[in-house]
Amino acid sequence: MALQFTDAIVKELIVSGKPVVIDFWAEWCGPCRMIGPIIEELAQEYEGRVEIGKLNVDENMDTPEEYGIRSIPTVMFFKEGKLVDKIVGAAKKSDFAEKINALLG
C-alpha cells in the first residue's frame, strides 16, 4: 500500500538514502484518481526497495510549494536525496515503472 506522506516526514524520507516516489494529488482531482490505483500497485510491487507514497496538496502545502508544484497529479522521483525525474499529469503504469527502475539501476 502506498504510504501517506506529510510535510512533516517527507524531507526525512527523501534524504534517507532509499529511492522515493511522491505522488502529489488531491481528492477533487480526476486525473489523480485515475493514477491512484497505479501508484498503489507500484507501491506493492516495489515494497522494501522504493518508498512510494501520496502527498495530499490540500493538507500539506509546504512540500508542493518547495518543489514548485503547479499542476496535479505530479509524480516526483528522488534518488540519494535529489530530484532526478518527474511526470506531470496522468500516465501509464509502464511509464511510472520505467522511472522507478531507473532509480534502482
PDB file of N, CA and C in Angstrom:
ATOM      1  N   MET A   1       0.840  -1.187   0.000  1.00  0.00           N
ATOM      2  CA  MET A   1       0.000   0.000   0.000  1.00  0.00           C
ATOM      3  C   MET A   1       0.882   1.246   0.000  1.00  0.00           C
ATOM      4  N   ALA A   2       0.486   2.221  -0.774  1.00  0.00           N
ATOM      5  CA  ALA A   2       1.243   3.469  -0.833  1.00  0.00           C
ATOM      6  C   ALA A   2       1.202   4.162   0.522  1.00  0.00           C
ATOM      7  N   LEU A   3       2.320   4.725   0.910  1.00  0.00           N
ATOM      8  CA  LEU A   3       2.400   5.455   2.167  1.00  0.00           C
ATOM      9  C   LEU A   3       1.651   6.776   2.039  1.00  0.00           C
ATOM     10  N   GLN A   4       1.223   7.322   3.162  1.00  0.00           N
ATOM     11  CA  GLN A   4       0.611   8.645   3.184  1.00  0.00           C
ATOM     12  C   GLN A   4       1.681   9.620   3.672  1.00  0.00           C
ATOM     13  N   PHE A   5       2.279  10.355   2.757  1.00  0.00           N
ATOM     14  CA  PHE A   5       3.327  11.308   3.108  1.00  0.00           C
ATOM     15  C   PHE A   5       2.705  12.601   3.632  1.00  0.00           C
ATOM     16  N   THR A   6       3.452  13.266   4.515  1.00  0.00           N
ATOM     17  CA  THR A   6       3.067  14.586   5.006  1.00  0.00           C
ATOM     18  C   THR A   6       4.289  15.492   4.927  1.00  0.00           C
ATOM     19  N   ASP A   7       4.041  16.788   5.039  1.00  0.00           N
ATOM     20  CA  ASP A   7       5.156  17.738   5.070  1.00  0.00           C
ATOM     21  C   ASP A   7       6.143  17.374   6.176  1.00  0.00           C
ATOM     22  N   ALA A   8       5.626  16.864   7.290  1.00  0.00           N
ATOM     23  CA  ALA A   8       6.462  16.580   8.461  1.00  0.00           C
ATOM     24  C   ALA A   8       7.471  15.454   8.228  1.00  0.00           C
ATOM     25  N   ILE A   9       7.129  14.479   7.372  1.00  0.00           N
ATOM     26  CA  ILE A   9       8.029  13.323   7.208  1.00  0.00           C
ATOM     27  C   ILE A   9       8.716  13.234   5.849  1.00  0.00           C
ATOM     28  N   VAL A  10       8.233  13.976   4.868  1.00  0.00           N
ATOM     29  CA  VAL A  10       8.725  13.767   3.503  1.00  0.00           C
ATOM     30  C   VAL A  10      10.208  14.116   3.349  1.00  0.00           C
ATOM     31  N   LYS A  11      10.676  15.156   4.004  1.00  0.00           N
ATOM     32  CA  LYS A  11      12.092  15.528   3.874  1.00  0.00           C
ATOM     33  C   LYS A  11      13.007  14.436   4.427  1.00  0.00           C
ATOM     34  N   GLU A  12      12.604  13.848   5.556  1.00  0.00           N
ATOM     35  CA  GLU A  12      13.392  12.763   6.139  1.00  0.00           C
ATOM     36  C   GLU A  12      13.472  11.579   5.189  1.00  0.00           C
ATOM     37  N   LEU A  13      12.356  11.257   4.545  1.00  0.00           N
ATOM     38  CA  LEU A  13      12.343  10.141   3.603  1.00  0.00           C
ATOM     39  C   LEU A  13      13.245  10.413   2.406  1.00  0.00           C
ATOM     40  N   ILE A  14      13.178  11.636   1.877  1.00  0.00           N
ATOM     41  CA  ILE A  14      13.972  11.972   0.697  1.00  0.00           C
ATOM     42  C   ILE A  14      15.462  11.816   0.976  1.00  0.00           C
ATOM     43  N   VAL A  15      15.909  12.224   2.153  1.00  0.00           N
ATOM     44  CA  VAL A  15      17.338  12.160   2.465  1.00  0.00           C
ATOM     45  C   VAL A  15      17.751  10.831   3.110  1.00  0.00           C
ATOM     46  N   SER A  16      16.816   9.893   3.215  1.00  0.00           N
ATOM     47  CA  SER A  16      17.095   8.609   3.879  1.00  0.00           C
ATOM     48  C   SER A  16      18.074   7.733   3.103  1.00  0.00           C
ATOM     49  N   GLY A  17      18.269   8.022   1.809  1.00  0.00           N
ATOM     50  CA  GLY A  17      19.159   7.204   1.001  1.00  0.00           C
ATOM     51  C   GLY A  17      18.408   6.212   0.129  1.00  0.00           C
ATOM     52  N   LYS A  18      17.176   5.904   0.500  1.00  0.00           N
ATOM     53  CA  LYS A  18      16.353   4.985  -0.286  1.00  0.00           C
ATOM     54  C   LYS A  18      15.661   5.783  -1.400  1.00  0.00           C
ATOM     55  N   PRO A  19      15.453   5.184  -2.573  1.00  0.00           N
ATOM     56  CA  PRO A  19      14.691   5.886  -3.613  1.00  0.00           C
ATOM     57  C   PRO A  19      13.280   6.206  -3.107  1.00  0.00           C
ATOM     58  N   VAL A  20      12.780   7.377  -3.484  1.00  0.00           N
ATOM     59  CA  VAL A  20      11.469   7.837  -3.034  1.00  0.00           C
ATOM     60  C   VAL A  20      10.664   8.321  -4.237  1.00  0.00           C
ATOM     61  N   VAL A  21       9.394   7.936  -4.268  1.00  0.00           N
ATOM     62  CA  VAL A  21       8.461   8.397  -5.295  1.00  0.00           C
ATOM     63  C   VAL A  21       7.294   9.056  -4.575  1.00  0.00           C
ATOM     64  N   ILE A  22       7.018  10.315  -4.943  1.00  0.00           N
ATOM     65  CA  ILE A  22       5.933  11.064  -4.303  1.00  0.00           C
ATOM     66  C   ILE A  22       4.889  11.426  -5.352  1.00  0.00           C
ATOM     67  N   ASP A  23       3.663  11.009  -5.082  1.00  0.00           N
ATOM     68  CA  ASP A  23       2.515  11.370  -5.910  1.00  0.00           C
ATOM     69  C   ASP A  23       1.818  12.551  -5.242  1.00  0.00           C
ATOM     70  N   PHE A  24       1.931  13.737  -5.842  1.00  0.00           N
ATOM     71  CA  PHE A  24       1.245  14.926  -5.345  1.00  0.00           C
ATOM     72  C   PHE A  24      -0.170  14.907  -5.928  1.00  0.00           C
ATOM     73  N   TRP A  25      -1.180  14.885  -5.060  1.00  0.00           N
ATOM     74  CA  TRP A  25      -2.560  14.690  -5.502  1.00  0.00           C
ATOM     75  C   TRP A  25      -3.532  15.465  -4.625  1.00  0.00           C
ATOM     76  N   ALA A  26      -4.827  15.427  -5.003  1.00  0.00           N
ATOM     77  CA  ALA A  26      -5.912  15.991  -4.194  1.00  0.00           C
ATOM     78  C   ALA A  26      -7.180  15.191  -4.472  1.00  0.00           C
ATOM     79  N   GLU A  27      -8.081  15.175  -3.497  1.00  0.00           N
ATOM     80  CA  GLU A  27      -9.343  14.427  -3.618  1.00  0.00           C
ATOM     81  C   GLU A  27     -10.157  14.843  -4.839  1.00  0.00           C
ATOM     82  N   TRP A  28     -10.179  16.135  -5.136  1.00  0.00           N
ATOM     83  CA  TRP A  28     -11.033  16.680  -6.189  1.00  0.00           C
ATOM     84  C   TRP A  28     -10.457  16.513  -7.598  1.00  0.00           C
ATOM     85  N   CYS A  29      -9.261  15.983  -7.709  1.00  0.00           N
ATOM     86  CA  CYS A  29      -8.545  15.889  -8.993  1.00  0.00           C
ATOM     87  C   CYS A  29      -8.865  14.575  -9.711  1.00  0.00           C
ATOM     88  N   GLY A  30      -9.572  14.675 -10.836  1.00  0.00           N
ATOM     89  CA  GLY A  30      -9.941  13.493 -11.618  1.00  0.00           C
ATOM     90  C   GLY A  30      -8.750  12.667 -12.081  1.00  0.00           C
ATOM     91  N   PRO A  31      -7.757  13.282 -12.746  1.00  0.00           N
ATOM     92  CA  PRO A  31      -6.586  12.516 -13.179  1.00  0.00           C
ATOM     93  C   PRO A  31      -5.828  11.882 -12.002  1.00  0.00           C
ATOM     94  N   CYS A  32      -5.870  12.530 -10.833  1.00  0.00           N
ATOM     95  CA  CYS A  32      -5.223  11.956  -9.643  1.00  0.00           C
ATOM     96  C   CYS A  32      -5.907  10.649  -9.261  1.00  0.00           C
ATOM     97  N   ARG A  33      -7.228  10.633  -9.340  1.00  0.00           N
ATOM     98  CA  ARG A  33      -7.977   9.415  -9.024  1.00  0.00           C
ATOM     99  C   ARG A  33      -7.695   8.332 -10.057  1.00  0.00           C
ATOM    100  N   MET A  34      -7.421   8.737 -11.293  1.00  0.00           N
ATOM    101  CA  MET A  34      -7.105   7.753 -12.335  1.00  0.00           C
ATOM    102  C   MET A  34      -5.788   7.034 -12.057  1.00  0.00           C
ATOM    103  N   ILE A  35      -4.769   7.772 -11.596  1.00  0.00           N
ATOM    104  CA  ILE A  35      -3.470   7.124 -11.374  1.00  0.00           C
ATOM    105  C   ILE A  35      -3.332   6.546  -9.967  1.00  0.00           C
ATOM    106  N   GLY A  36      -4.283   6.848  -9.079  1.00  0.00           N
ATOM    107  CA  GLY A  36      -4.217   6.342  -7.708  1.00  0.00           C
ATOM    108  C   GLY A  36      -4.021   4.835  -7.624  1.00  0.00           C
ATOM    109  N   PRO A  37      -4.841   4.042  -8.338  1.00  0.00           N
ATOM    110  CA  PRO A  37      -4.655   2.584  -8.285  1.00  0.00           C
ATOM    111  C   PRO A  37      -3.297   2.134  -8.841  1.00  0.00           C
ATOM    112  N   ILE A  38      -2.780   2.853  -9.812  1.00  0.00           N
ATOM    113  CA  ILE A  38      -1.456   2.525 -10.372  1.00  0.00           C
ATOM    114  C   ILE A  38      -0.385   2.740  -9.311  1.00  0.00           C
ATOM    115  N   ILE A  39      -0.465   3.865  -8.600  1.00  0.00           N
ATOM    116  CA  ILE A  39       0.505   4.154  -7.543  1.00  0.00           C
ATOM    117  C   ILE A  39       0.432   3.075  -6.462  1.00  0.00           C
ATOM    118  N   GLU A  40      -0.782   2.638  -6.108  1.00  0.00           N
ATOM    119  CA  GLU A  40      -0.956   1.577  -5.107  1.00  0.00           C
ATOM    120  C   GLU A  40      -0.305   0.277  -5.573  1.00  0.00           C
ATOM    121  N   GLU A  41      -0.529  -0.104  -6.827  1.00  0.00           N
ATOM    122  CA  GLU A  41       0.074  -1.327  -7.378  1.00  0.00           C
ATOM    123  C   GLU A  41       1.594  -1.247  -7.340  1.00  0.00           C
ATOM    124  N   LEU A  42       2.134  -0.120  -7.759  1.00  0.00           N
ATOM    125  CA  LEU A  42       3.587   0.044  -7.784  1.00  0.00           C
ATOM    126  C   LEU A  42       4.165  -0.006  -6.367  1.00  0.00           C
ATOM    127  N   ALA A  43       3.454   0.561  -5.408  1.00  0.00           N
ATOM    128  CA  ALA A  43       3.917   0.531  -4.017  1.00  0.00           C
ATOM    129  C   ALA A  43       4.041  -0.909  -3.537  1.00  0.00           C
ATOM    130  N   GLN A  44       3.106  -1.762  -3.929  1.00  0.00           N
ATOM    131  CA  GLN A  44       3.174  -3.171  -3.547  1.00  0.00           C
ATOM    132  C   GLN A  44       4.308  -3.876  -4.275  1.00  0.00           C
ATOM    133  N   GLU A  45       4.430  -3.626  -5.566  1.00  0.00           N
ATOM    134  CA  GLU A  45       5.437  -4.309  -6.382  1.00  0.00           C
ATOM    135  C   GLU A  45       6.866  -3.942  -5.977  1.00  0.00           C
ATOM    136  N   TYR A  46       7.076  -2.723  -5.531  1.00  0.00           N
ATOM    137  CA  TYR A  46       8.427  -2.259  -5.185  1.00  0.00           C
ATOM    138  C   TYR A  46       8.641  -2.139  -3.674  1.00  0.00           C
ATOM    139  N   GLU A  47       7.734  -2.731  -2.898  1.00  0.00           N
ATOM    140  CA  GLU A  47       7.817  -2.654  -1.442  1.00  0.00           C
ATOM    141  C   GLU A  47       9.177  -3.155  -0.951  1.00  0.00           C
ATOM    142  N   GLY A  48       9.766  -2.378  -0.042  1.00  0.00           N
ATOM    143  CA  GLY A  48      11.060  -2.741   0.507  1.00  0.00           C
ATOM    144  C   GLY A  48      12.243  -2.206  -0.292  1.00  0.00           C
ATOM    145  N   ARG A  49      11.992  -1.801  -1.534  1.00  0.00           N
ATOM    146  CA  ARG A  49      13.074  -1.284  -2.381  1.00  0.00           C
ATOM    147  C   ARG A  49      12.946   0.209  -2.645  1.00  0.00           C
ATOM    148  N   VAL A  50      11.704   0.693  -2.722  1.00  0.00           N
ATOM    149  CA  VAL A  50      11.428   2.102  -3.015  1.00  0.00           C
ATOM    150  C   VAL A  50      10.297   2.564  -2.097  1.00  0.00           C
ATOM    151  N   GLU A  51      10.450   3.755  -1.524  1.00  0.00           N
ATOM    152  CA  GLU A  51       9.376   4.348  -0.719  1.00  0.00           C
ATOM    153  C   GLU A  51       8.438   5.070  -1.681  1.00  0.00           C
ATOM    154  N   ILE A  52       7.234   4.545  -1.844  1.00  0.00           N
ATOM    155  CA  ILE A  52       6.256   5.130  -2.759  1.00  0.00           C
ATOM    156  C   ILE A  52       5.058   5.589  -1.935  1.00  0.00           C
ATOM    157  N   GLY A  53       4.708   6.868  -2.096  1.00  0.00           N
ATOM    158  CA  GLY A  53       3.588   7.381  -1.323  1.00  0.00           C
ATOM    159  C   GLY A  53       2.911   8.557  -1.984  1.00  0.00           C
ATOM    160  N   LYS A  54       1.830   8.974  -1.343  1.00  0.00           N
ATOM    161  CA  LYS A  54       0.992  10.049  -1.848  1.00  0.00           C
ATOM    162  C   LYS A  54       1.032  11.212  -0.860  1.00  0.00           C
ATOM    163  N   LEU A  55       1.069  12.427  -1.388  1.00  0.00           N
ATOM    164  CA  LEU A  55       1.049  13.622  -0.554  1.00  0.00           C
ATOM    165  C   LEU A  55      -0.112  14.493  -1.010  1.00  0.00           C
ATOM    166  N   ASN A  56      -1.100  14.662  -0.136  1.00  0.00           N
ATOM    167  CA  ASN A  56      -2.286  15.455  -0.447  1.00  0.00           C
ATOM    168  C   ASN A  56      -1.908  16.943  -0.395  1.00  0.00           C
ATOM    169  N   VAL A  57      -2.027  17.612  -1.535  1.00  0.00           N
ATOM    170  CA  VAL A  57      -1.588  19.012  -1.627  1.00  0.00           C
ATOM    171  C   VAL A  57      -2.513  19.973  -0.884  1.00  0.00           C
ATOM    172  N   ASP A  58      -3.736  19.553  -0.598  1.00  0.00           N
ATOM    173  CA  ASP A  58      -4.650  20.408   0.165  1.00  0.00           C
ATOM    174  C   ASP A  58      -4.339  20.363   1.656  1.00  0.00           C
ATOM    175  N   GLU A  59      -3.803  19.254   2.123  1.00  0.00           N
ATOM    176  CA  GLU A  59      -3.495  19.077   3.545  1.00  0.00           C
ATOM    177  C   GLU A  59      -2.036  19.386   3.872  1.00  0.00           C
ATOM    178  N   ASN A  60      -1.177  19.380   2.875  1.00  0.00           N
ATOM    179  CA  ASN A  60       0.268  19.594   3.046  1.00  0.00           C
ATOM    180  C   ASN A  60       0.712  20.590   1.984  1.00  0.00           C
ATOM    181  N   MET A  61       0.886  21.842   2.354  1.00  0.00           N
ATOM    182  CA  MET A  61       1.163  22.877   1.363  1.00  0.00           C
ATOM    183  C   MET A  61       2.633  23.248   1.250  1.00  0.00           C
ATOM    184  N   ASP A  62       3.440  22.918   2.238  1.00  0.00           N
ATOM    185  CA  ASP A  62       4.850  23.326   2.231  1.00  0.00           C
ATOM    186  C   ASP A  62       5.660  22.593   1.166  1.00  0.00           C
ATOM    187  N   THR A  63       5.538  21.280   1.104  1.00  0.00           N
ATOM    188  CA  THR A  63       6.336  20.493   0.153  1.00  0.00           C
ATOM    189  C   THR A  63       5.979  20.825  -1.297  1.00  0.00           C
ATOM    190  N   PRO A  64       4.686  20.889  -1.667  1.00  0.00           N
ATOM    191  CA  PRO A  64       4.364  21.284  -3.046  1.00  0.00           C
ATOM    192  C   PRO A  64       4.912  22.664  -3.407  1.00  0.00           C
ATOM    193  N   GLU A  65       4.863  23.587  -2.452  1.00  0.00           N
ATOM    194  CA  GLU A  65       5.399  24.928  -2.712  1.00  0.00           C
ATOM    195  C   GLU A  65       6.908  24.862  -2.912  1.00  0.00           C
ATOM    196  N   GLU A  66       7.585  24.090  -2.072  1.00  0.00           N
ATOM    197  CA  GLU A  66       9.041  23.974  -2.168  1.00  0.00           C
ATOM    198  C   GLU A  66       9.486  23.427  -3.525  1.00  0.00           C
ATOM    199  N   TYR A  67       8.718  22.483  -4.077  1.00  0.00           N
ATOM    200  CA  TYR A  67       9.085  21.869  -5.355  1.00  0.00           C
ATOM    201  C   TYR A  67       8.358  22.486  -6.543  1.00  0.00           C
ATOM    202  N   GLY A  68       7.636  23.583  -6.322  1.00  0.00           N
ATOM    203  CA  GLY A  68       7.013  24.310  -7.424  1.00  0.00           C
ATOM    204  C   GLY A  68       5.899  23.549  -8.117  1.00  0.00           C
ATOM    205  N   ILE A  69       5.140  22.778  -7.359  1.00  0.00           N
ATOM    206  CA  ILE A  69       4.035  22.015  -7.951  1.00  0.00           C
ATOM    207  C   ILE A  69       2.941  22.991  -8.368  1.00  0.00           C
ATOM    208  N   ARG A  70       2.647  23.025  -9.661  1.00  0.00           N
ATOM    209  CA  ARG A  70       1.621  23.920 -10.191  1.00  0.00           C
ATOM    210  C   ARG A  70       0.461  23.144 -10.803  1.00  0.00           C
ATOM    211  N   SER A  71       0.668  21.854 -11.043  1.00  0.00           N
ATOM    212  CA  SER A  71      -0.343  21.016 -11.677  1.00  0.00           C
ATOM    213  C   SER A  71      -0.302  19.645 -11.019  1.00  0.00           C
ATOM    214  N   ILE A  72      -1.485  19.082 -10.798  1.00  0.00           N
ATOM    215  CA  ILE A  72      -1.532  17.734 -10.246  1.00  0.00           C
ATOM    216  C   ILE A  72      -2.367  16.853 -11.170  1.00  0.00           C
ATOM    217  N   PRO A  73      -2.083  15.576 -11.227  1.00  0.00           N
ATOM    218  CA  PRO A  73      -1.045  14.907 -10.455  1.00  0.00           C
ATOM    219  C   PRO A  73       0.351  15.224 -10.979  1.00  0.00           C
ATOM    220  N   THR A  74       1.275  15.326 -10.057  1.00  0.00           N
ATOM    221  CA  THR A  74       2.692  15.373 -10.376  1.00  0.00           C
ATOM    222  C   THR A  74       3.344  14.278  -9.545  1.00  0.00           C
ATOM    223  N   VAL A  75       4.113  13.425 -10.200  1.00  0.00           N
ATOM    224  CA  VAL A  75       4.822  12.355  -9.502  1.00  0.00           C
ATOM    225  C   VAL A  75       6.312  12.641  -9.639  1.00  0.00           C
ATOM    226  N   MET A  76       6.985  12.761  -8.487  1.00  0.00           N
ATOM    227  CA  MET A  76       8.417  13.079  -8.465  1.00  0.00           C
ATOM    228  C   MET A  76       9.217  11.871  -7.991  1.00  0.00           C
ATOM    229  N   PHE A  77      10.395  11.721  -8.591  1.00  0.00           N
ATOM    230  CA  PHE A  77      11.272  10.580  -8.327  1.00  0.00           C
ATOM    231  C   PHE A  77      12.585  11.096  -7.741  1.00  0.00           C
ATOM    232  N   PHE A  78      12.924  10.615  -6.551  1.00  0.00           N
ATOM    233  CA  PHE A  78      14.123  11.057  -5.841  1.00  0.00           C
ATOM    234  C   PHE A  78      15.090   9.902  -5.663  1.00  0.00           C
ATOM    235  N   LYS A  79      16.369  10.201  -5.829  1.00  0.00           N
ATOM    236  CA  LYS A  79      17.426   9.217  -5.593  1.00  0.00           C
ATOM    237  C   LYS A  79      18.553   9.925  -4.852  1.00  0.00           C
ATOM    238  N   GLU A  80      19.012   9.298  -3.772  1.00  0.00           N
ATOM    239  CA  GLU A  80      20.108   9.841  -2.964  1.00  0.00           C
ATOM    240  C   GLU A  80      19.840  11.296  -2.566  1.00  0.00           C
ATOM    241  N   GLY A  81      18.582  11.581  -2.228  1.00  0.00           N
ATOM    242  CA  GLY A  81      18.221  12.898  -1.733  1.00  0.00           C
ATOM    243  C   GLY A  81      18.000  13.964  -2.784  1.00  0.00           C
ATOM    244  N   LYS A  82      18.090  13.589  -4.060  1.00  0.00           N
ATOM    245  CA  LYS A  82      17.946  14.578  -5.132  1.00  0.00           C
ATOM    246  C   LYS A  82      16.800  14.214  -6.065  1.00  0.00           C
ATOM    247  N   LEU A  83      16.093  15.246  -6.529  1.00  0.00           N
ATOM    248  CA  LEU A  83      15.047  15.057  -7.524  1.00  0.00           C
ATOM    249  C   LEU A  83      15.721  14.689  -8.840  1.00  0.00           C
ATOM    250  N   VAL A  84      15.372  13.520  -9.394  1.00  0.00           N
ATOM    251  CA  VAL A  84      16.008  13.089 -10.637  1.00  0.00           C
ATOM    252  C   VAL A  84      15.045  13.023 -11.822  1.00  0.00           C
ATOM    253  N   ASP A  85      13.734  13.002 -11.542  1.00  0.00           N
ATOM    254  CA  ASP A  85      12.778  12.924 -12.642  1.00  0.00           C
ATOM    255  C   ASP A  85      11.382  13.252 -12.127  1.00  0.00           C
ATOM    256  N   LYS A  86      10.464  13.523 -13.068  1.00  0.00           N
ATOM    257  CA  LYS A  86       9.067  13.720 -12.683  1.00  0.00           C
ATOM    258  C   LYS A  86       8.164  13.475 -13.876  1.00  0.00           C
ATOM    259  N   ILE A  87       6.918  13.173 -13.559  1.00  0.00           N
ATOM    260  CA  ILE A  87       5.869  13.037 -14.565  1.00  0.00           C
ATOM    261  C   ILE A  87       4.733  13.953 -14.116  1.00  0.00           C
ATOM    262  N   VAL A  88       4.303  14.841 -15.006  1.00  0.00           N
ATOM    263  CA  VAL A  88       3.182  15.741 -14.715  1.00  0.00           C
ATOM    264  C   VAL A  88       1.989  15.267 -15.525  1.00  0.00           C
ATOM    265  N   GLY A  89       0.871  15.037 -14.832  1.00  0.00           N
ATOM    266  CA  GLY A  89      -0.336  14.550 -15.497  1.00  0.00           C
ATOM    267  C   GLY A  89      -0.443  13.042 -15.405  1.00  0.00           C
ATOM    268  N   ALA A  90      -1.560  12.526 -15.890  1.00  0.00           N
ATOM    269  CA  ALA A  90      -1.800  11.089 -15.866  1.00  0.00           C
ATOM    270  C   ALA A  90      -0.870  10.398 -16.864  1.00  0.00           C
ATOM    271  N   ALA A  91      -0.451   9.194 -16.516  1.00  0.00           N
ATOM    272  CA  ALA A  91       0.426   8.419 -17.400  1.00  0.00           C
ATOM    273  C   ALA A  91       0.130   6.935 -17.192  1.00  0.00           C
ATOM    274  N   LYS A  92       0.698   6.118 -18.043  1.00  0.00           N
ATOM    275  CA  LYS A  92       0.506   4.671 -17.951  1.00  0.00           C
ATOM    276  C   LYS A  92       1.403   4.089 -16.856  1.00  0.00           C
ATOM    277  N   LYS A  93       1.009   2.932 -16.368  1.00  0.00           N
ATOM    278  CA  LYS A  93       1.790   2.237 -15.344  1.00  0.00           C
ATOM    279  C   LYS A  93       3.216   1.992 -15.831  1.00  0.00           C
ATOM    280  N   SER A  94       3.354   1.632 -17.098  1.00  0.00           N
ATOM    281  CA  SER A  94       4.690   1.336 -17.635  1.00  0.00           C
ATOM    282  C   SER A  94       5.597   2.571 -17.600  1.00  0.00           C
ATOM    283  N   ASP A  95       5.016   3.756 -17.763  1.00  0.00           N
ATOM    284  CA  ASP A  95       5.803   4.994 -17.698  1.00  0.00           C
ATOM    285  C   ASP A  95       6.364   5.207 -16.292  1.00  0.00           C
ATOM    286  N   PHE A  96       5.510   4.975 -15.289  1.00  0.00           N
ATOM    287  CA  PHE A  96       5.963   5.122 -13.906  1.00  0.00           C
ATOM    288  C   PHE A  96       6.998   4.051 -13.560  1.00  0.00           C
ATOM    289  N   ALA A  97       6.742   2.815 -13.995  1.00  0.00           N
ATOM    290  CA  ALA A  97       7.659   1.706 -13.698  1.00  0.00           C
ATOM    291  C   ALA A  97       9.035   1.956 -14.316  1.00  0.00           C
ATOM    292  N   GLU A  98       9.059   2.512 -15.510  1.00  0.00           N
ATOM    293  CA  GLU A  98      10.331   2.821 -16.173  1.00  0.00           C
ATOM    294  C   GLU A  98      11.156   3.802 -15.334  1.00  0.00           C
ATOM    295  N   LYS A  99      10.492   4.819 -14.816  1.00  0.00           N
ATOM    296  CA  LYS A  99      11.198   5.812 -13.988  1.00  0.00           C
ATOM    297  C   LYS A  99      11.685   5.191 -12.668  1.00  0.00           C
ATOM    298  N   ILE A 100      10.847   4.329 -12.087  1.00  0.00           N
ATOM    299  CA  ILE A 100      11.232   3.671 -10.832  1.00  0.00           C
ATOM    300  C   ILE A 100      12.420   2.737 -11.063  1.00  0.00           C
ATOM    301  N   ASN A 101      12.378   1.988 -12.152  1.00  0.00           N
ATOM    302  CA  ASN A 101      13.504   1.089 -12.461  1.00  0.00           C
ATOM    303  C   ASN A 101      14.789   1.856 -12.665  1.00  0.00           C
ATOM    304  N   ALA A 102      14.698   3.071 -13.229  1.00  0.00           N
ATOM    305  CA  ALA A 102      15.884   3.911 -13.393  1.00  0.00           C
ATOM    306  C   ALA A 102      16.447   4.313 -12.041  1.00  0.00           C
ATOM    307  N   LEU A 103      15.576   4.513 -11.043  1.00  0.00           N
ATOM    308  CA  LEU A 103      16.049   4.839  -9.698  1.00  0.00           C
ATOM    309  C   LEU A 103      16.864   3.683  -9.106  1.00  0.00           C
ATOM    310  N   LEU A 104      16.456   2.464  -9.455  1.00  0.00           N
ATOM    311  CA  LEU A 104      17.106   1.279  -8.899  1.00  0.00           C
ATOM    312  C   LEU A 104      18.338   0.856  -9.686  1.00  0.00           C
ATOM    313  N   GLY A 105      18.456   1.372 -10.903  1.00  0.00           N
ATOM    314  CA  GLY A 105      19.534   0.959 -11.796  1.00  0.00           C
ATOM    315  C   GLY A 105      20.881   1.513 -11.480  1.00  0.00           C
TER     316      GLY A 105
END
